[in-house]
Amino acid sequence: MNFPYGFTATVERPTGFDDEGISLESEFPDKTIARCARDQVSTVETVDGAQVVVTKERILCDDPDADVHESDVLILPDGTRWNVTGEPDRPSSPFSGWNPGCVIPVERAAGATPPQPIEE
């Protein structure tokens, strides 16, 4: 993969998460991965009253050795934060060994509001 007009994402590696799932500060210095592209996979709106929309995407990166791991957080140029939900896929050709880059599965929840009590 070659994305000459792709974007640069920042990789944040949290040391853990608090009770609400918010990432804690990290000793790991933030790194960047260049020449990325986005590929939307799905968007799901919950119907349990929480009004949460979960969007799943894949970040395509032309660096097969990008230092990204499950539980990292990617920060995109627009400021949105995406949780890495699995180890990146690093495909390679069985014929030539060519490795086009990596595919990073990410997701983001938006609109998380607790259900409001019904007034009687």
PDB file of N, CA and C in Angstrom:
ATOM      1  N   MET A   1       0.846  -1.169   0.000  1.00  0.00           N
ATOM      2  CA  MET A   1       0.000   0.000   0.000  1.00  0.00           C
ATOM      3  C   MET A   1       0.891   1.232   0.000  1.00  0.00           C
ATOM      4  N   ASN A   2       0.488   2.210  -0.754  1.00  0.00           N
ATOM      5  CA  ASN A   2       1.233   3.455  -0.778  1.00  0.00           C
ATOM      6  C   ASN A   2       0.223   4.589  -0.789  1.00  0.00           C
ATOM      7  N   PHE A   3       0.225   5.384   0.265  1.00  0.00           N
ATOM      8  CA  PHE A   3      -0.727   6.477   0.392  1.00  0.00           C
ATOM      9  C   PHE A   3       0.032   7.796   0.424  1.00  0.00           C
ATOM     10  N   PRO A   4       0.428   8.327  -0.739  1.00  0.00           N
ATOM     11  CA  PRO A   4       1.213   9.560  -0.746  1.00  0.00           C
ATOM     12  C   PRO A   4       0.452  10.750  -0.161  1.00  0.00           C
ATOM     13  N   TYR A   5      -0.875  10.698  -0.130  1.00  0.00           N
ATOM     14  CA  TYR A   5      -1.663  11.784   0.446  1.00  0.00           C
ATOM     15  C   TYR A   5      -2.353  11.336   1.728  1.00  0.00           C
ATOM     16  N   GLY A   6      -1.824  10.296   2.346  1.00  0.00           N
ATOM     17  CA  GLY A   6      -2.397   9.796   3.586  1.00  0.00           C
ATOM     18  C   GLY A   6      -2.114  10.733   4.752  1.00  0.00           C
ATOM     19  N   PHE A   7      -2.603  10.362   5.908  1.00  0.00           N
ATOM     20  CA  PHE A   7      -2.432  11.189   7.101  1.00  0.00           C
ATOM     21  C   PHE A   7      -1.474  10.509   8.077  1.00  0.00           C
ATOM     22  N   THR A   8      -1.055  11.257   9.074  1.00  0.00           N
ATOM     23  CA  THR A   8      -0.191  10.738  10.133  1.00  0.00           C
ATOM     24  C   THR A   8      -1.016  10.594  11.399  1.00  0.00           C
ATOM     25  N   ALA A   9      -0.932   9.423  12.025  1.00  0.00           N
ATOM     26  CA  ALA A   9      -1.650   9.160  13.275  1.00  0.00           C
ATOM     27  C   ALA A   9      -0.647   9.069  14.418  1.00  0.00           C
ATOM     28  N   THR A  10      -1.075   9.485  15.598  1.00  0.00           N
ATOM     29  CA  THR A  10      -0.245   9.376  16.798  1.00  0.00           C
ATOM     30  C   THR A  10      -0.645   8.122  17.555  1.00  0.00           C
ATOM     31  N   VAL A  11       0.346   7.350  17.992  1.00  0.00           N
ATOM     32  CA  VAL A  11       0.102   6.125  18.759  1.00  0.00           C
ATOM     33  C   VAL A  11       0.332   6.436  20.227  1.00  0.00           C
ATOM     34  N   GLU A  12      -0.692   6.200  21.038  1.00  0.00           N
ATOM     35  CA  GLU A  12      -0.588   6.400  22.479  1.00  0.00           C
ATOM     36  C   GLU A  12      -0.736   5.027  23.136  1.00  0.00           C
ATOM     37  N   ARG A  13       0.175   4.706  24.015  1.00  0.00           N
ATOM     38  CA  ARG A  13       0.132   3.396  24.677  1.00  0.00           C
ATOM     39  C   ARG A  13      -0.181   3.604  26.156  1.00  0.00           C
ATOM     40  N   PRO A  14      -1.452   3.445  26.555  1.00  0.00           N
ATOM     41  CA  PRO A  14      -1.816   3.655  27.955  1.00  0.00           C
ATOM     42  C   PRO A  14      -1.267   2.539  28.845  1.00  0.00           C
ATOM     43  N   THR A  15      -1.037   2.871  30.109  1.00  0.00           N
ATOM     44  CA  THR A  15      -0.559   1.867  31.057  1.00  0.00           C
ATOM     45  C   THR A  15      -1.714   1.048  31.611  1.00  0.00           C
ATOM     46  N   GLY A  16      -2.923   1.498  31.376  1.00  0.00           N
ATOM     47  CA  GLY A  16      -4.107   0.797  31.868  1.00  0.00           C
ATOM     48  C   GLY A  16      -5.329   1.665  31.662  1.00  0.00           C
ATOM     49  N   PHE A  17      -6.435   1.229  32.232  1.00  0.00           N
ATOM     50  CA  PHE A  17      -7.695   1.949  32.084  1.00  0.00           C
ATOM     51  C   PHE A  17      -8.351   2.096  33.448  1.00  0.00           C
ATOM     52  N   ASP A  18      -9.075   3.206  33.641  1.00  0.00           N
ATOM     53  CA  ASP A  18      -9.782   3.383  34.902  1.00  0.00           C
ATOM     54  C   ASP A  18     -11.106   2.630  34.856  1.00  0.00           C
ATOM     55  N   ASP A  19     -11.933   2.789  35.895  1.00  0.00           N
ATOM     56  CA  ASP A  19     -13.198   2.044  35.993  1.00  0.00           C
ATOM     57  C   ASP A  19     -14.170   2.370  34.870  1.00  0.00           C
ATOM     58  N   GLU A  20     -14.014   3.538  34.242  1.00  0.00           N
ATOM     59  CA  GLU A  20     -14.918   3.941  33.166  1.00  0.00           C
ATOM     60  C   GLU A  20     -14.335   3.658  31.788  1.00  0.00           C
ATOM     61  N   GLY A  21     -13.179   2.981  31.730  1.00  0.00           N
ATOM     62  CA  GLY A  21     -12.577   2.631  30.455  1.00  0.00           C
ATOM     63  C   GLY A  21     -11.740   3.731  29.831  1.00  0.00           C
ATOM     64  N   ILE A  22     -11.454   4.793  30.589  1.00  0.00           N
ATOM     65  CA  ILE A  22     -10.633   5.892  30.093  1.00  0.00           C
ATOM     66  C   ILE A  22      -9.167   5.503  30.266  1.00  0.00           C
ATOM     67  N   SER A  23      -8.354   5.721  29.228  1.00  0.00           N
ATOM     68  CA  SER A  23      -6.950   5.329  29.300  1.00  0.00           C
ATOM     69  C   SER A  23      -6.195   6.201  30.301  1.00  0.00           C
ATOM     70  N   LEU A  24      -5.287   5.550  31.044  1.00  0.00           N
ATOM     71  CA  LEU A  24      -4.456   6.239  32.021  1.00  0.00           C
ATOM     72  C   LEU A  24      -3.187   6.736  31.346  1.00  0.00           C
ATOM     73  N   GLU A  25      -2.503   7.674  31.979  1.00  0.00           N
ATOM     74  CA  GLU A  25      -1.261   8.223  31.426  1.00  0.00           C
ATOM     75  C   GLU A  25      -0.239   7.114  31.212  1.00  0.00           C
ATOM     76  N   SER A  26       0.636   7.304  30.252  1.00  0.00           N
ATOM     77  CA  SER A  26       1.610   6.289  29.881  1.00  0.00           C
ATOM     78  C   SER A  26       3.027   6.802  30.015  1.00  0.00           C
ATOM     79  N   GLU A  27       3.928   5.880  30.318  1.00  0.00           N
ATOM     80  CA  GLU A  27       5.358   6.196  30.316  1.00  0.00           C
ATOM     81  C   GLU A  27       5.916   6.066  28.902  1.00  0.00           C
ATOM     82  N   PHE A  28       5.168   5.433  28.015  1.00  0.00           N
ATOM     83  CA  PHE A  28       5.568   5.200  26.635  1.00  0.00           C
ATOM     84  C   PHE A  28       5.483   6.522  25.879  1.00  0.00           C
ATOM     85  N   PRO A  29       6.571   6.981  25.271  1.00  0.00           N
ATOM     86  CA  PRO A  29       6.482   8.235  24.514  1.00  0.00           C
ATOM     87  C   PRO A  29       5.612   8.047  23.271  1.00  0.00           C
ATOM     88  N   ASP A  30       4.755   9.028  23.010  1.00  0.00           N
ATOM     89  CA  ASP A  30       3.891   8.940  21.835  1.00  0.00           C
ATOM     90  C   ASP A  30       4.739   8.824  20.580  1.00  0.00           C
ATOM     91  N   LYS A  31       4.297   7.969  19.671  1.00  0.00           N
ATOM     92  CA  LYS A  31       4.971   7.797  18.386  1.00  0.00           C
ATOM     93  C   LYS A  31       3.971   8.119  17.291  1.00  0.00           C
ATOM     94  N   THR A  32       4.459   8.274  16.089  1.00  0.00           N
ATOM     95  CA  THR A  32       3.563   8.526  14.968  1.00  0.00           C
ATOM     96  C   THR A  32       3.779   7.473  13.889  1.00  0.00           C
ATOM     97  N   ILE A  33       2.713   7.234  13.132  1.00  0.00           N
ATOM     98  CA  ILE A  33       2.817   6.401  11.937  1.00  0.00           C
ATOM     99  C   ILE A  33       2.286   7.237  10.779  1.00  0.00           C
ATOM    100  N   ALA A  34       3.074   7.299   9.726  1.00  0.00           N
ATOM    101  CA  ALA A  34       2.756   8.171   8.593  1.00  0.00           C
ATOM    102  C   ALA A  34       2.093   7.380   7.467  1.00  0.00           C
ATOM    103  N   ARG A  35       1.555   8.128   6.516  1.00  0.00           N
ATOM    104  CA  ARG A  35       0.949   7.585   5.298  1.00  0.00           C
ATOM    105  C   ARG A  35      -0.114   6.540   5.612  1.00  0.00           C
ATOM    106  N   CYS A  36      -1.146   6.961   6.355  1.00  0.00           N
ATOM    107  CA  CYS A  36      -2.265   6.090   6.721  1.00  0.00           C
ATOM    108  C   CYS A  36      -3.515   6.470   5.934  1.00  0.00           C
ATOM    109  N   ALA A  37      -4.456   5.556   5.900  1.00  0.00           N
ATOM    110  CA  ALA A  37      -5.767   5.801   5.283  1.00  0.00           C
ATOM    111  C   ALA A  37      -6.821   5.123   6.145  1.00  0.00           C
ATOM    112  N   ARG A  38      -8.074   5.584   6.030  1.00  0.00           N
ATOM    113  CA  ARG A  38      -9.182   5.026   6.808  1.00  0.00           C
ATOM    114  C   ARG A  38     -10.084   4.186   5.918  1.00  0.00           C
ATOM    115  N   ASP A  39     -10.599   3.109   6.498  1.00  0.00           N
ATOM    116  CA  ASP A  39     -11.547   2.240   5.816  1.00  0.00           C
ATOM    117  C   ASP A  39     -12.639   1.890   6.816  1.00  0.00           C
ATOM    118  N   GLN A  40     -13.841   2.486   6.644  1.00  0.00           N
ATOM    119  CA  GLN A  40     -14.926   2.236   7.587  1.00  0.00           C
ATOM    120  C   GLN A  40     -15.476   0.836   7.397  1.00  0.00           C
ATOM    121  N   VAL A  41     -15.659   0.136   8.505  1.00  0.00           N
ATOM    122  CA  VAL A  41     -16.164  -1.231   8.478  1.00  0.00           C
ATOM    123  C   VAL A  41     -17.642  -1.256   8.833  1.00  0.00           C
ATOM    124  N   SER A  42     -18.015  -0.642   9.967  1.00  0.00           N
ATOM    125  CA  SER A  42     -19.418  -0.655  10.376  1.00  0.00           C
ATOM    126  C   SER A  42     -19.697   0.440  11.379  1.00  0.00           C
ATOM    127  N   THR A  43     -20.966   0.772  11.506  1.00  0.00           N
ATOM    128  CA  THR A  43     -21.453   1.682  12.525  1.00  0.00           C
ATOM    129  C   THR A  43     -22.693   1.059  13.127  1.00  0.00           C
ATOM    130  N   VAL A  44     -22.712   0.982  14.450  1.00  0.00           N
ATOM    131  CA  VAL A  44     -23.839   0.365  15.145  1.00  0.00           C
ATOM    132  C   VAL A  44     -24.340   1.329  16.199  1.00  0.00           C
ATOM    133  N   GLU A  45     -25.653   1.556  16.214  1.00  0.00           N
ATOM    134  CA  GLU A  45     -26.260   2.394  17.241  1.00  0.00           C
ATOM    135  C   GLU A  45     -26.949   1.480  18.232  1.00  0.00           C
ATOM    136  N   THR A  46     -26.610   1.619  19.506  1.00  0.00           N
ATOM    137  CA  THR A  46     -27.233   0.760  20.505  1.00  0.00           C
ATOM    138  C   THR A  46     -28.669   1.195  20.742  1.00  0.00           C
ATOM    139  N   VAL A  47     -29.474   0.259  21.150  1.00  0.00           N
ATOM    140  CA  VAL A  47     -30.886   0.547  21.371  1.00  0.00           C
ATOM    141  C   VAL A  47     -31.286   0.271  22.817  1.00  0.00           C
ATOM    142  N   ASP A  48     -30.306   0.227  23.706  1.00  0.00           N
ATOM    143  CA  ASP A  48     -30.606  -0.062  25.107  1.00  0.00           C
ATOM    144  C   ASP A  48     -30.854   1.200  25.929  1.00  0.00           C
ATOM    145  N   GLY A  49     -31.058   2.314  25.267  1.00  0.00           N
ATOM    146  CA  GLY A  49     -31.327   3.565  25.951  1.00  0.00           C
ATOM    147  C   GLY A  49     -30.093   4.390  26.218  1.00  0.00           C
ATOM    148  N   ALA A  50     -28.909   3.865  25.911  1.00  0.00           N
ATOM    149  CA  ALA A  50     -27.675   4.598  26.198  1.00  0.00           C
ATOM    150  C   ALA A  50     -27.318   5.587  25.096  1.00  0.00           C
ATOM    151  N   GLN A  51     -27.933   5.484  23.948  1.00  0.00           N
ATOM    152  CA  GLN A  51     -27.687   6.374  22.817  1.00  0.00           C
ATOM    153  C   GLN A  51     -26.197   6.440  22.469  1.00  0.00           C
ATOM    154  N   VAL A  52     -25.604   5.296  22.252  1.00  0.00           N
ATOM    155  CA  VAL A  52     -24.184   5.210  21.917  1.00  0.00           C
ATOM    156  C   VAL A  52     -24.045   4.695  20.490  1.00  0.00           C
ATOM    157  N   VAL A  53     -23.214   5.350  19.710  1.00  0.00           N
ATOM    158  CA  VAL A  53     -22.917   4.895  18.361  1.00  0.00           C
ATOM    159  C   VAL A  53     -21.477   4.392  18.362  1.00  0.00           C
ATOM    160  N   VAL A  54     -21.304   3.114  18.004  1.00  0.00           N
ATOM    161  CA  VAL A  54     -19.975   2.516  17.942  1.00  0.00           C
ATOM    162  C   VAL A  54     -19.593   2.380  16.471  1.00  0.00           C
ATOM    163  N   THR A  55     -18.483   2.995  16.100  1.00  0.00           N
ATOM    164  CA  THR A  55     -17.987   2.932  14.726  1.00  0.00           C
ATOM    165  C   THR A  55     -16.721   2.098  14.706  1.00  0.00           C
ATOM    166  N   LYS A  56     -16.674   1.137  13.793  1.00  0.00           N
ATOM    167  CA  LYS A  56     -15.487   0.306  13.618  1.00  0.00           C
ATOM    168  C   LYS A  56     -14.866   0.639  12.280  1.00  0.00           C
ATOM    169  N   GLU A  57     -13.562   0.805  12.290  1.00  0.00           N
ATOM    170  CA  GLU A  57     -12.823   1.113  11.075  1.00  0.00           C
ATOM    171  C   GLU A  57     -11.545   0.302  11.044  1.00  0.00           C
ATOM    172  N   ARG A  58     -10.893   0.360   9.910  1.00  0.00           N
ATOM    173  CA  ARG A  58      -9.547  -0.190   9.774  1.00  0.00           C
ATOM    174  C   ARG A  58      -8.657   0.958   9.341  1.00  0.00           C
ATOM    175  N   ILE A  59      -7.518   1.084   9.992  1.00  0.00           N
ATOM    176  CA  ILE A  59      -6.530   2.062   9.580  1.00  0.00           C
ATOM    177  C   ILE A  59      -5.496   1.301   8.761  1.00  0.00           C
ATOM    178  N   LEU A  60      -5.323   1.724   7.523  1.00  0.00           N
ATOM    179  CA  LEU A  60      -4.373   1.094   6.623  1.00  0.00           C
ATOM    180  C   LEU A  60      -3.085   1.895   6.696  1.00  0.00           C
ATOM    181  N   CYS A  61      -1.980   1.214   6.897  1.00  0.00           N
ATOM    182  CA  CYS A  61      -0.689   1.872   7.069  1.00  0.00           C
ATOM    183  C   CYS A  61       0.325   1.206   6.151  1.00  0.00           C
ATOM    184  N   ASP A  62       1.135   1.990   5.458  1.00  0.00           N
ATOM    185  CA  ASP A  62       2.078   1.367   4.521  1.00  0.00           C
ATOM    186  C   ASP A  62       3.395   0.938   5.182  1.00  0.00           C
ATOM    187  N   ASP A  63       3.488   1.029   6.517  1.00  0.00           N
ATOM    188  CA  ASP A  63       4.673   0.572   7.238  1.00  0.00           C
ATOM    189  C   ASP A  63       4.369  -0.786   7.882  1.00  0.00           C
ATOM    190  N   PRO A  64       4.917  -1.884   7.343  1.00  0.00           N
ATOM    191  CA  PRO A  64       4.619  -3.198   7.915  1.00  0.00           C
ATOM    192  C   PRO A  64       5.179  -3.376   9.320  1.00  0.00           C
ATOM    193  N   ASP A  65       6.123  -2.524   9.721  1.00  0.00           N
ATOM    194  CA  ASP A  65       6.728  -2.640  11.045  1.00  0.00           C
ATOM    195  C   ASP A  65       6.227  -1.578  12.022  1.00  0.00           C
ATOM    196  N   ALA A  66       5.076  -0.988  11.734  1.00  0.00           N
ATOM    197  CA  ALA A  66       4.531   0.051  12.610  1.00  0.00           C
ATOM    198  C   ALA A  66       4.369  -0.507  14.026  1.00  0.00           C
ATOM    199  N   ASP A  67       4.820   0.251  15.017  1.00  0.00           N
ATOM    200  CA  ASP A  67       4.772  -0.176  16.414  1.00  0.00           C
ATOM    201  C   ASP A  67       3.399   0.136  16.997  1.00  0.00           C
ATOM    202  N   VAL A  68       2.437  -0.732  16.681  1.00  0.00           N
ATOM    203  CA  VAL A  68       1.064  -0.589  17.148  1.00  0.00           C
ATOM    204  C   VAL A  68       0.626  -1.938  17.688  1.00  0.00           C
ATOM    205  N   HIS A  69      -0.045  -1.912  18.840  1.00  0.00           N
ATOM    206  CA  HIS A  69      -0.498  -3.155  19.462  1.00  0.00           C
ATOM    207  C   HIS A  69      -1.917  -2.998  19.980  1.00  0.00           C
ATOM    208  N   GLU A  70      -2.554  -4.141  20.224  1.00  0.00           N
ATOM    209  CA  GLU A  70      -3.895  -4.138  20.804  1.00  0.00           C
ATOM    210  C   GLU A  70      -3.850  -3.354  22.107  1.00  0.00           C
ATOM    211  N   SER A  71      -4.860  -2.588  22.369  1.00  0.00           N
ATOM    212  CA  SER A  71      -5.046  -1.712  23.531  1.00  0.00           C
ATOM    213  C   SER A  71      -4.342  -0.365  23.397  1.00  0.00           C
ATOM    214  N   ASP A  72      -3.606  -0.121  22.293  1.00  0.00           N
ATOM    215  CA  ASP A  72      -3.092   1.219  22.032  1.00  0.00           C
ATOM    216  C   ASP A  72      -4.259   2.117  21.630  1.00  0.00           C
ATOM    217  N   VAL A  73      -4.012   3.397  21.623  1.00  0.00           N
ATOM    218  CA  VAL A  73      -4.997   4.379  21.170  1.00  0.00           C
ATOM    219  C   VAL A  73      -4.364   5.142  20.017  1.00  0.00           C
ATOM    220  N   LEU A  74      -5.099   5.265  18.897  1.00  0.00           N
ATOM    221  CA  LEU A  74      -4.634   6.074  17.769  1.00  0.00           C
ATOM    222  C   LEU A  74      -5.353   7.412  17.814  1.00  0.00           C
ATOM    223  N   ILE A  75      -4.595   8.476  17.689  1.00  0.00           N
ATOM    224  CA  ILE A  75      -5.169   9.816  17.638  1.00  0.00           C
ATOM    225  C   ILE A  75      -4.986  10.316  16.214  1.00  0.00           C
ATOM    226  N   LEU A  76      -6.103  10.572  15.540  1.00  0.00           N
ATOM    227  CA  LEU A  76      -6.071  11.001  14.146  1.00  0.00           C
ATOM    228  C   LEU A  76      -5.927  12.517  14.058  1.00  0.00           C
ATOM    229  N   PRO A  77      -5.585  13.033  12.875  1.00  0.00           N
ATOM    230  CA  PRO A  77      -5.375  14.485  12.728  1.00  0.00           C
ATOM    231  C   PRO A  77      -6.578  15.345  13.136  1.00  0.00           C
ATOM    232  N   ASP A  78      -7.795  14.788  13.049  1.00  0.00           N
ATOM    233  CA  ASP A  78      -8.971  15.569  13.453  1.00  0.00           C
ATOM    234  C   ASP A  78      -9.188  15.562  14.960  1.00  0.00           C
ATOM    235  N   GLY A  79      -8.281  14.886  15.703  1.00  0.00           N
ATOM    236  CA  GLY A  79      -8.359  14.859  17.163  1.00  0.00           C
ATOM    237  C   GLY A  79      -9.144  13.699  17.732  1.00  0.00           C
ATOM    238  N   THR A  80      -9.801  12.917  16.887  1.00  0.00           N
ATOM    239  CA  THR A  80     -10.568  11.779  17.399  1.00  0.00           C
ATOM    240  C   THR A  80      -9.619  10.696  17.895  1.00  0.00           C
ATOM    241  N   ARG A  81     -10.071  10.004  18.940  1.00  0.00           N
ATOM    242  CA  ARG A  81      -9.287   8.937  19.557  1.00  0.00           C
ATOM    243  C   ARG A  81      -9.960   7.599  19.242  1.00  0.00           C
ATOM    244  N   TRP A  82      -9.174   6.670  18.726  1.00  0.00           N
ATOM    245  CA  TRP A  82      -9.676   5.360  18.322  1.00  0.00           C
ATOM    246  C   TRP A  82      -8.930   4.281  19.095  1.00  0.00           C
ATOM    247  N   ASN A  83      -9.669   3.362  19.701  1.00  0.00           N
ATOM    248  CA  ASN A  83      -9.074   2.253  20.441  1.00  0.00           C
ATOM    249  C   ASN A  83      -8.694   1.140  19.479  1.00  0.00           C
ATOM    250  N   VAL A  84      -7.460   0.665  19.572  1.00  0.00           N
ATOM    251  CA  VAL A  84      -7.019  -0.472  18.759  1.00  0.00           C
ATOM    252  C   VAL A  84      -7.612  -1.719  19.398  1.00  0.00           C
ATOM    253  N   THR A  85      -8.381  -2.486  18.629  1.00  0.00           N
ATOM    254  CA  THR A  85      -9.145  -3.600  19.191  1.00  0.00           C
ATOM    255  C   THR A  85      -8.554  -4.976  18.908  1.00  0.00           C
ATOM    256  N   GLY A  86      -7.430  -5.034  18.246  1.00  0.00           N
ATOM    257  CA  GLY A  86      -6.780  -6.311  17.960  1.00  0.00           C
ATOM    258  C   GLY A  86      -5.387  -6.060  17.414  1.00  0.00           C
ATOM    259  N   GLU A  87      -4.591  -7.109  17.346  1.00  0.00           N
ATOM    260  CA  GLU A  87      -3.254  -6.952  16.786  1.00  0.00           C
ATOM    261  C   GLU A  87      -3.362  -6.629  15.293  1.00  0.00           C
ATOM    262  N   PRO A  88      -2.526  -5.738  14.783  1.00  0.00           N
ATOM    263  CA  PRO A  88      -2.561  -5.408  13.358  1.00  0.00           C
ATOM    264  C   PRO A  88      -2.269  -6.629  12.493  1.00  0.00           C
ATOM    265  N   ASP A  89      -2.959  -6.696  11.369  1.00  0.00           N
ATOM    266  CA  ASP A  89      -2.708  -7.741  10.385  1.00  0.00           C
ATOM    267  C   ASP A  89      -1.574  -7.252   9.487  1.00  0.00           C
ATOM    268  N   ARG A  90      -0.569  -8.085   9.308  1.00  0.00           N
ATOM    269  CA  ARG A  90       0.589  -7.718   8.494  1.00  0.00           C
ATOM    270  C   ARG A  90       0.731  -8.751   7.372  1.00  0.00           C
ATOM    271  N   PRO A  91      -0.127  -8.645   6.339  1.00  0.00           N
ATOM    272  CA  PRO A  91      -0.118  -9.657   5.275  1.00  0.00           C
ATOM    273  C   PRO A  91       1.151  -9.597   4.433  1.00  0.00           C
ATOM    274  N   SER A  92       1.505 -10.739   3.871  1.00  0.00           N
ATOM    275  CA  SER A  92       2.637 -10.771   2.938  1.00  0.00           C
ATOM    276  C   SER A  92       2.349 -11.790   1.850  1.00  0.00           C
ATOM    277  N   SER A  93       2.932 -11.582   0.681  1.00  0.00           N
ATOM    278  CA  SER A  93       2.738 -12.459  -0.464  1.00  0.00           C
ATOM    279  C   SER A  93       3.501 -13.764  -0.239  1.00  0.00           C
ATOM    280  N   PRO A  94       2.840 -14.907  -0.431  1.00  0.00           N
ATOM    281  CA  PRO A  94       3.542 -16.176  -0.293  1.00  0.00           C
ATOM    282  C   PRO A  94       4.483 -16.451  -1.473  1.00  0.00           C
ATOM    283  N   PHE A  95       4.356 -15.666  -2.529  1.00  0.00           N
ATOM    284  CA  PHE A  95       5.187 -15.872  -3.720  1.00  0.00           C
ATOM    285  C   PHE A  95       6.451 -15.017  -3.716  1.00  0.00           C
ATOM    286  N   SER A  96       6.313 -13.756  -3.285  1.00  0.00           N
ATOM    287  CA  SER A  96       7.461 -12.846  -3.351  1.00  0.00           C
ATOM    288  C   SER A  96       7.936 -12.377  -1.975  1.00  0.00           C
ATOM    289  N   GLY A  97       7.112 -12.563  -0.957  1.00  0.00           N
ATOM    290  CA  GLY A  97       7.456 -12.060   0.367  1.00  0.00           C
ATOM    291  C   GLY A  97       7.124 -10.593   0.555  1.00  0.00           C
ATOM    292  N   TRP A  98       6.596  -9.953  -0.493  1.00  0.00           N
ATOM    293  CA  TRP A  98       6.246  -8.534  -0.425  1.00  0.00           C
ATOM    294  C   TRP A  98       5.216  -8.300   0.678  1.00  0.00           C
ATOM    295  N   ASN A  99       5.451  -7.287   1.479  1.00  0.00           N
ATOM    296  CA  ASN A  99       4.557  -6.937   2.570  1.00  0.00           C
ATOM    297  C   ASN A  99       4.048  -5.523   2.324  1.00  0.00           C
ATOM    298  N   PRO A 100       2.754  -5.371   2.011  1.00  0.00           N
ATOM    299  CA  PRO A 100       2.238  -4.051   1.651  1.00  0.00           C
ATOM    300  C   PRO A 100       2.027  -3.104   2.826  1.00  0.00           C
ATOM    301  N   GLY A 101       2.132  -3.568   4.046  1.00  0.00           N
ATOM    302  CA  GLY A 101       1.885  -2.699   5.189  1.00  0.00           C
ATOM    303  C   GLY A 101       1.113  -3.437   6.257  1.00  0.00           C
ATOM    304  N   CYS A 102       0.331  -2.697   7.040  1.00  0.00           N
ATOM    305  CA  CYS A 102      -0.473  -3.358   8.064  1.00  0.00           C
ATOM    306  C   CYS A 102      -1.874  -2.760   8.102  1.00  0.00           C
ATOM    307  N   VAL A 103      -2.797  -3.553   8.614  1.00  0.00           N
ATOM    308  CA  VAL A 103      -4.196  -3.173   8.757  1.00  0.00           C
ATOM    309  C   VAL A 103      -4.499  -3.195  10.250  1.00  0.00           C
ATOM    310  N   ILE A 104      -4.891  -2.043  10.800  1.00  0.00           N
ATOM    311  CA  ILE A 104      -5.091  -1.893  12.237  1.00  0.00           C
ATOM    312  C   ILE A 104      -6.585  -1.775  12.529  1.00  0.00           C
ATOM    313  N   PRO A 105      -7.172  -2.742  13.277  1.00  0.00           N
ATOM    314  CA  PRO A 105      -8.590  -2.645  13.609  1.00  0.00           C
ATOM    315  C   PRO A 105      -8.805  -1.667  14.767  1.00  0.00           C
ATOM    316  N   VAL A 106      -9.703  -0.711  14.581  1.00  0.00           N
ATOM    317  CA  VAL A 106      -9.976   0.284  15.623  1.00  0.00           C
ATOM    318  C   VAL A 106     -11.476   0.472  15.776  1.00  0.00           C
ATOM    319  N   GLU A 107     -11.874   1.019  16.928  1.00  0.00           N
ATOM    320  CA  GLU A 107     -13.275   1.397  17.125  1.00  0.00           C
ATOM    321  C   GLU A 107     -13.353   2.600  18.040  1.00  0.00           C
ATOM    322  N   ARG A 108     -14.492   3.265  17.933  1.00  0.00           N
ATOM    323  CA  ARG A 108     -14.716   4.492  18.697  1.00  0.00           C
ATOM    324  C   ARG A 108     -16.188   4.567  19.056  1.00  0.00           C
ATOM    325  N   ALA A 109     -16.476   4.900  20.313  1.00  0.00           N
ATOM    326  CA  ALA A 109     -17.854   5.090  20.759  1.00  0.00           C
ATOM    327  C   ALA A 109     -18.098   6.581  20.919  1.00  0.00           C
ATOM    328  N   ALA A 110     -19.245   7.035  20.465  1.00  0.00           N
ATOM    329  CA  ALA A 110     -19.588   8.454  20.568  1.00  0.00           C
ATOM    330  C   ALA A 110     -21.012   8.601  21.077  1.00  0.00           C
ATOM    331  N   GLY A 111     -21.250   9.691  21.786  1.00  0.00           N
ATOM    332  CA  GLY A 111     -22.592   9.991  22.259  1.00  0.00           C
ATOM    333  C   GLY A 111     -22.977   9.241  23.509  1.00  0.00           C
ATOM    334  N   ALA A 112     -21.994   8.785  24.253  1.00  0.00           N
ATOM    335  CA  ALA A 112     -22.287   8.006  25.456  1.00  0.00           C
ATOM    336  C   ALA A 112     -22.943   8.889  26.504  1.00  0.00           C
ATOM    337  N   THR A 113     -24.232   8.725  26.642  1.00  0.00           N
ATOM    338  CA  THR A 113     -24.957   9.440  27.681  1.00  0.00           C
ATOM    339  C   THR A 113     -25.745   8.426  28.485  1.00  0.00           C
ATOM    340  N   PRO A 114     -25.725   8.535  29.798  1.00  0.00           N
ATOM    341  CA  PRO A 114     -26.490   7.576  30.596  1.00  0.00           C
ATOM    342  C   PRO A 114     -27.979   7.768  30.379  1.00  0.00           C
ATOM    343  N   PRO A 115     -28.744   6.695  30.499  1.00  0.00           N
ATOM    344  CA  PRO A 115     -30.195   6.831  30.348  1.00  0.00           C
ATOM    345  C   PRO A 115     -30.755   7.787  31.400  1.00  0.00           C
ATOM    346  N   GLN A 116     -31.685   8.617  31.003  1.00  0.00           N
ATOM    347  CA  GLN A 116     -32.299   9.570  31.916  1.00  0.00           C
ATOM    348  C   GLN A 116     -33.533   8.943  32.574  1.00  0.00           C
ATOM    349  N   PRO A 117     -33.720   9.201  33.866  1.00  0.00           N
ATOM    350  CA  PRO A 117     -34.914   8.644  34.528  1.00  0.00           C
ATOM    351  C   PRO A 117     -36.187   9.257  33.945  1.00  0.00           C
ATOM    352  N   ILE A 118     -37.209   8.473  33.906  1.00  0.00           N
ATOM    353  CA  ILE A 118     -38.503   8.943  33.383  1.00  0.00           C
ATOM    354  C   ILE A 118     -39.229   9.692  34.488  1.00  0.00           C
ATOM    355  N   GLU A 119     -39.611  10.918  34.177  1.00  0.00           N
ATOM    356  CA  GLU A 119     -40.345  11.743  35.145  1.00  0.00           C
ATOM    357  C   GLU A 119     -41.793  11.303  35.142  1.00  0.00           C
ATOM    358  N   GLU A 120     -42.341  11.157  36.337  1.00  0.00           N
ATOM    359  CA  GLU A 120     -43.768  10.760  36.430  1.00  0.00           C
ATOM    360  C   GLU A 120     -44.598  11.890  36.948  1.00  0.00           C
TER     361      GLU A 120
END
